[in-house]
Amino acid sequence: MPAPLVGRKFGVNVIPVPDRNVCHGIHVLGISGSSRQQPGMSKSERLLTRALEQFQNYGCTTNLIRLKDLTIHDCEGNYSENPSFCTYPCQSSMKYNDDQMQEIYDAVLACDILILATPIRWNNHSALIQKFVERMNAIENQQSWFGNRMITGKVAGLIVIGHVDGVQHVAGNLLNFFSWLGFHTPEIAIASWVGENDEDTTRDWAQIETNRYTREDLENLVASSLRLSCALKGHAAEKNDSR
């Protein structure tokens, strides 16, 4: 007789954290794609901040970027005219004096782990995240067209928060994006929460705070990202030693 379908079991899949001494020096970048005006208003950003605090507890250095706070011009589709026109530095970064996308490029290239946080907007990631994705094409195209891989040995994970519409659709799109860029994804790459069908968002944070599965997923996202990043850095050191 098969076991009853009672849902996911809490505490079964707990990822051990590597030694803190190994984690020391790993740089973690958090990018918030919420359009909420002030820090702390966004639930996805709160969870991102909590994740960064956990990384700090393991000896990592962290940096938080709120896309809302930066001036980022739209991708103007230079690739569509000719792939060789999609360059790094990005044409828009050089064209517009107020464009701040280079700050994001620099932060992404400097990090070991990138955690991207987004609310769900009509079954998709936020418009700010989409703008980030499109402008990152200047990085991806360096490999596909010019043979210059700029993303190596880096780990990426997601925090996705929504109501009614689906986490998996958003995560699938963004993990595909990270894969094309050259990021590695850990065994637990997503921490998420989805609200009830009544769509009463005023109760969301209280429910997120008491949701054991979201808390466990966040802890596992941090731990598995660290394990993979440490493994990749160790492999890189082995390759360097063998030369």
Protein backbone atom coordinates (compact mmCIF):
# COMPACT_ATOMS: atom_id res chain seq x y z
CA MET A 1 0.00 0.00 0.00
CA PRO A 2 1.55 3.35 -1.00
CA ALA A 3 2.21 6.00 1.62
CA PRO A 4 -0.42 8.75 1.82
CA LEU A 5 0.37 11.98 0.00
CA VAL A 6 0.79 14.25 2.99
CA GLY A 7 3.14 16.78 1.41
CA ARG A 8 6.78 17.54 1.82
CA LYS A 9 8.47 16.40 5.00
CA PHE A 10 10.16 19.16 6.96
CA GLY A 11 13.78 18.66 7.97
CA VAL A 12 14.51 15.74 5.64
CA ASN A 13 16.79 17.56 3.22
CA VAL A 14 19.11 19.69 5.36
CA ILE A 15 22.32 20.79 3.64
CA PRO A 16 25.42 20.86 5.89
CA VAL A 17 27.46 24.04 5.85
CA PRO A 18 31.18 23.85 5.03
CA ASP A 19 33.79 24.85 7.58
CA ARG A 20 33.65 28.57 8.36
CA ASN A 21 37.36 28.91 7.72
CA VAL A 22 36.78 27.69 4.17
CA CYS A 23 33.94 30.19 3.68
CA HIS A 24 36.05 33.14 4.78
CA GLY A 25 36.73 35.46 1.87
CA ILE A 26 33.83 34.35 -0.31
CA HIS A 27 32.07 37.42 -1.70
CA VAL A 28 28.27 37.31 -2.00
CA LEU A 29 26.24 39.77 -4.07
CA GLY A 30 22.52 40.19 -3.48
CA ILE A 31 20.44 41.91 -6.16
CA SER A 32 16.90 43.02 -5.31
CA GLY A 33 14.50 43.33 -8.23
CA SER A 34 11.60 44.77 -6.26
CA SER A 35 10.09 48.08 -7.33
CA ARG A 36 9.04 49.01 -3.78
CA GLN A 37 10.28 52.51 -3.04
CA GLN A 38 11.97 52.13 0.33
CA PRO A 39 14.25 49.44 1.78
CA GLY A 40 12.32 47.03 3.97
CA MET A 41 9.00 47.38 2.12
CA SER A 42 9.67 44.40 -0.15
CA LYS A 43 9.19 40.88 1.20
CA SER A 44 11.58 39.35 -1.34
CA GLU A 45 14.18 41.93 -0.34
CA ARG A 46 13.70 41.16 3.34
CA LEU A 47 14.43 37.49 2.67
CA LEU A 48 17.43 38.50 0.57
CA THR A 49 18.74 40.61 3.45
CA ARG A 50 18.23 37.67 5.79
CA ALA A 51 20.19 35.41 3.43
CA LEU A 52 23.04 37.92 3.26
CA GLU A 53 23.11 38.04 7.07
CA GLN A 54 23.47 34.25 7.13
CA PHE A 55 26.33 34.45 4.65
CA GLN A 56 27.99 37.04 6.89
CA ASN A 57 27.68 34.67 9.85
CA TYR A 58 29.78 32.17 7.90
CA GLY A 59 32.54 34.72 7.33
CA CYS A 60 31.56 35.89 3.86
CA THR A 61 31.63 39.50 2.69
CA THR A 62 28.34 40.73 1.23
CA ASN A 63 27.00 43.51 -0.96
CA LEU A 64 23.37 44.45 -1.65
CA ILE A 65 22.22 46.25 -4.79
CA ARG A 66 18.66 47.55 -5.17
CA LEU A 67 17.93 47.90 -8.89
CA LYS A 68 15.24 50.42 -7.96
CA ASP A 69 17.92 52.81 -6.68
CA LEU A 70 19.92 52.89 -9.93
CA THR A 71 19.40 54.49 -13.32
CA ILE A 72 19.49 51.65 -15.82
CA HIS A 73 18.58 52.40 -19.41
CA ASP A 74 16.74 49.86 -21.53
CA CYS A 75 18.68 47.45 -23.71
CA GLU A 76 18.52 48.99 -27.18
CA GLY A 77 18.86 45.70 -29.03
CA ASN A 78 22.22 46.26 -30.69
CA TYR A 79 22.59 42.48 -30.91
CA SER A 80 19.53 42.30 -33.17
CA GLU A 81 21.26 44.43 -35.79
CA ASN A 82 24.58 42.63 -35.55
CA PRO A 83 25.93 40.43 -32.71
CA SER A 84 29.28 42.22 -32.94
CA PHE A 85 27.52 45.45 -31.93
CA CYS A 86 26.64 43.99 -28.51
CA THR A 87 29.91 44.72 -26.75
CA TYR A 88 31.37 45.01 -23.29
CA PRO A 89 31.48 47.72 -22.04
CA CYS A 90 27.82 47.97 -23.02
CA GLN A 91 27.02 50.53 -25.70
CA SER A 92 24.28 52.05 -23.51
CA SER A 93 26.72 52.49 -20.61
CA MET A 94 28.94 54.55 -22.89
CA LYS A 95 26.06 56.36 -24.64
CA TYR A 96 24.20 57.66 -21.55
CA ASN A 97 26.15 59.60 -18.93
CA ASP A 98 23.62 58.78 -16.20
CA ASP A 99 23.50 55.03 -16.86
CA GLN A 100 24.66 53.05 -13.79
CA MET A 101 24.64 49.52 -15.19
CA GLN A 102 28.44 49.39 -15.05
CA GLU A 103 28.17 49.35 -11.24
CA ILE A 104 26.19 46.12 -11.56
CA TYR A 105 28.59 44.62 -14.08
CA ASP A 106 31.50 45.35 -11.75
CA ALA A 107 29.69 43.84 -8.75
CA VAL A 108 28.65 40.69 -10.65
CA LEU A 109 32.16 40.12 -12.00
CA ALA A 110 33.65 40.60 -8.51
CA CYS A 111 31.33 38.20 -6.65
CA ASP A 112 31.63 34.47 -6.00
CA ILE A 113 27.92 33.96 -5.27
CA LEU A 114 24.99 35.94 -6.70
CA ILE A 115 21.56 35.75 -5.09
CA LEU A 116 18.80 37.36 -7.16
CA ALA A 117 15.52 38.23 -5.43
CA THR A 118 12.31 39.00 -7.31
CA PRO A 119 8.59 39.27 -6.67
CA ILE A 120 6.29 37.52 -9.13
CA ARG A 121 4.53 39.88 -11.51
CA TRP A 122 1.79 38.22 -13.58
CA ASN A 123 3.53 34.84 -13.59
CA ASN A 124 6.91 36.35 -14.39
CA HIS A 125 9.82 38.11 -12.72
CA SER A 126 9.71 41.86 -12.18
CA ALA A 127 10.30 44.45 -14.91
CA LEU A 128 13.49 45.55 -13.14
CA ILE A 129 14.83 42.00 -13.27
CA GLN A 130 13.97 41.79 -16.96
CA LYS A 131 15.91 44.98 -17.62
CA PHE A 132 18.87 43.51 -15.71
CA VAL A 133 18.62 40.28 -17.73
CA GLU A 134 18.59 42.10 -21.07
CA ARG A 135 21.49 44.37 -20.18
CA MET A 136 23.53 41.33 -19.06
CA ASN A 137 23.50 40.20 -22.67
CA ALA A 138 26.65 42.30 -23.10
CA ILE A 139 28.37 39.84 -20.73
CA GLU A 140 26.91 36.66 -22.26
CA ASN A 141 27.69 37.78 -25.81
CA GLN A 142 31.36 38.09 -24.95
CA GLN A 143 31.47 34.29 -24.86
CA SER A 144 29.02 33.40 -27.64
CA TRP A 145 30.35 35.89 -30.20
CA PHE A 146 33.83 36.98 -29.11
CA GLY A 147 35.01 33.82 -27.30
CA ASN A 148 35.73 35.68 -24.04
CA ARG A 149 34.04 33.95 -21.10
CA MET A 150 33.66 36.54 -18.33
CA ILE A 151 31.66 34.41 -15.85
CA THR A 152 33.62 31.43 -14.50
CA GLY A 153 33.47 29.59 -11.20
CA LYS A 154 30.51 31.61 -9.92
CA VAL A 155 27.33 30.38 -8.21
CA ALA A 156 23.81 31.77 -8.61
CA GLY A 157 20.61 31.29 -6.60
CA LEU A 158 17.11 32.75 -6.42
CA ILE A 159 14.55 34.11 -3.98
CA VAL A 160 11.05 34.23 -5.49
CA ILE A 161 7.97 35.57 -3.69
CA GLY A 162 4.46 35.73 -5.10
CA HIS A 163 0.72 35.27 -4.85
CA VAL A 164 -1.30 32.70 -6.80
CA ASP A 165 1.02 32.64 -9.83
CA GLY A 166 3.91 30.23 -10.19
CA VAL A 167 7.38 30.12 -8.70
CA GLN A 168 8.55 27.39 -11.06
CA HIS A 169 7.90 29.42 -14.22
CA VAL A 170 9.92 32.37 -12.89
CA ALA A 171 12.69 30.15 -11.56
CA GLY A 172 12.92 28.23 -14.82
CA ASN A 173 13.40 31.40 -16.84
CA LEU A 174 16.01 32.86 -14.51
CA LEU A 175 17.99 29.64 -14.00
CA ASN A 176 18.14 29.27 -17.78
CA PHE A 177 19.46 32.84 -17.96
CA PHE A 178 22.13 32.12 -15.33
CA SER A 179 23.17 28.96 -17.18
CA TRP A 180 23.75 30.85 -20.43
CA LEU A 181 25.86 33.40 -18.57
CA GLY A 182 28.07 30.63 -17.18
CA PHE A 183 26.92 30.48 -13.55
CA HIS A 184 26.73 27.20 -11.63
CA THR A 185 23.57 26.42 -9.63
CA PRO A 186 23.67 24.64 -6.27
CA GLU A 187 21.55 21.63 -5.29
CA ILE A 188 19.12 23.95 -3.51
CA ALA A 189 19.01 26.99 -5.79
CA ILE A 190 15.63 28.49 -4.89
CA ALA A 191 13.97 29.81 -1.75
CA SER A 192 10.34 30.74 -2.30
CA TRP A 193 6.94 31.47 -0.85
CA VAL A 194 3.54 31.66 -2.56
CA GLY A 195 0.50 33.20 -0.88
CA GLU A 196 -3.09 32.04 -0.71
CA ASN A 197 -5.73 32.48 -3.38
CA ASP A 198 -7.43 35.26 -1.44
CA GLU A 199 -4.50 37.49 -2.48
CA ASP A 200 -4.59 39.40 0.80
CA THR A 201 -1.01 40.66 0.80
CA THR A 202 -1.36 42.43 4.15
CA ARG A 203 -0.79 39.11 5.94
CA ASP A 204 2.09 37.91 3.79
CA TRP A 205 5.08 38.73 5.95
CA ALA A 206 3.58 37.19 9.08
CA GLN A 207 2.93 33.99 7.12
CA ILE A 208 6.40 34.01 5.59
CA GLU A 209 7.95 34.46 9.03
CA THR A 210 6.16 31.37 10.36
CA ASN A 211 6.62 29.20 7.27
CA ARG A 212 9.16 26.53 8.22
CA TYR A 213 9.69 25.40 4.65
CA THR A 214 10.62 28.85 3.37
CA ARG A 215 13.00 29.24 6.31
CA GLU A 216 14.57 25.84 5.64
CA ASP A 217 14.86 26.57 1.91
CA LEU A 218 16.61 29.87 2.64
CA GLU A 219 19.08 28.17 4.98
CA ASN A 220 19.69 25.42 2.41
CA LEU A 221 20.14 27.98 -0.37
CA VAL A 222 22.88 29.66 1.68
CA ALA A 223 24.53 26.38 2.70
CA SER A 224 24.46 24.72 -0.72
CA SER A 225 25.67 27.91 -2.44
CA LEU A 226 28.61 28.03 -0.05
CA ARG A 227 29.41 24.34 -0.55
CA LEU A 228 29.43 24.70 -4.32
CA SER A 229 31.41 27.95 -4.26
CA CYS A 230 34.04 26.41 -1.97
CA ALA A 231 34.28 23.37 -4.23
CA LEU A 232 34.68 25.53 -7.34
CA LYS A 233 37.32 27.71 -5.70
CA GLY A 234 39.17 24.59 -4.55
CA HIS A 235 39.05 23.15 -8.06
CA ALA A 236 40.35 26.41 -9.47
CA ALA A 237 43.23 26.35 -6.98
CA GLU A 238 44.06 22.75 -7.98
CA LYS A 239 44.17 23.75 -11.64
CA ASN A 240 46.46 26.67 -10.86
CA ASP A 241 48.76 24.46 -8.76
CA SER A 242 49.08 21.95 -11.58
CA ARG A 243 50.43 24.52 -14.06
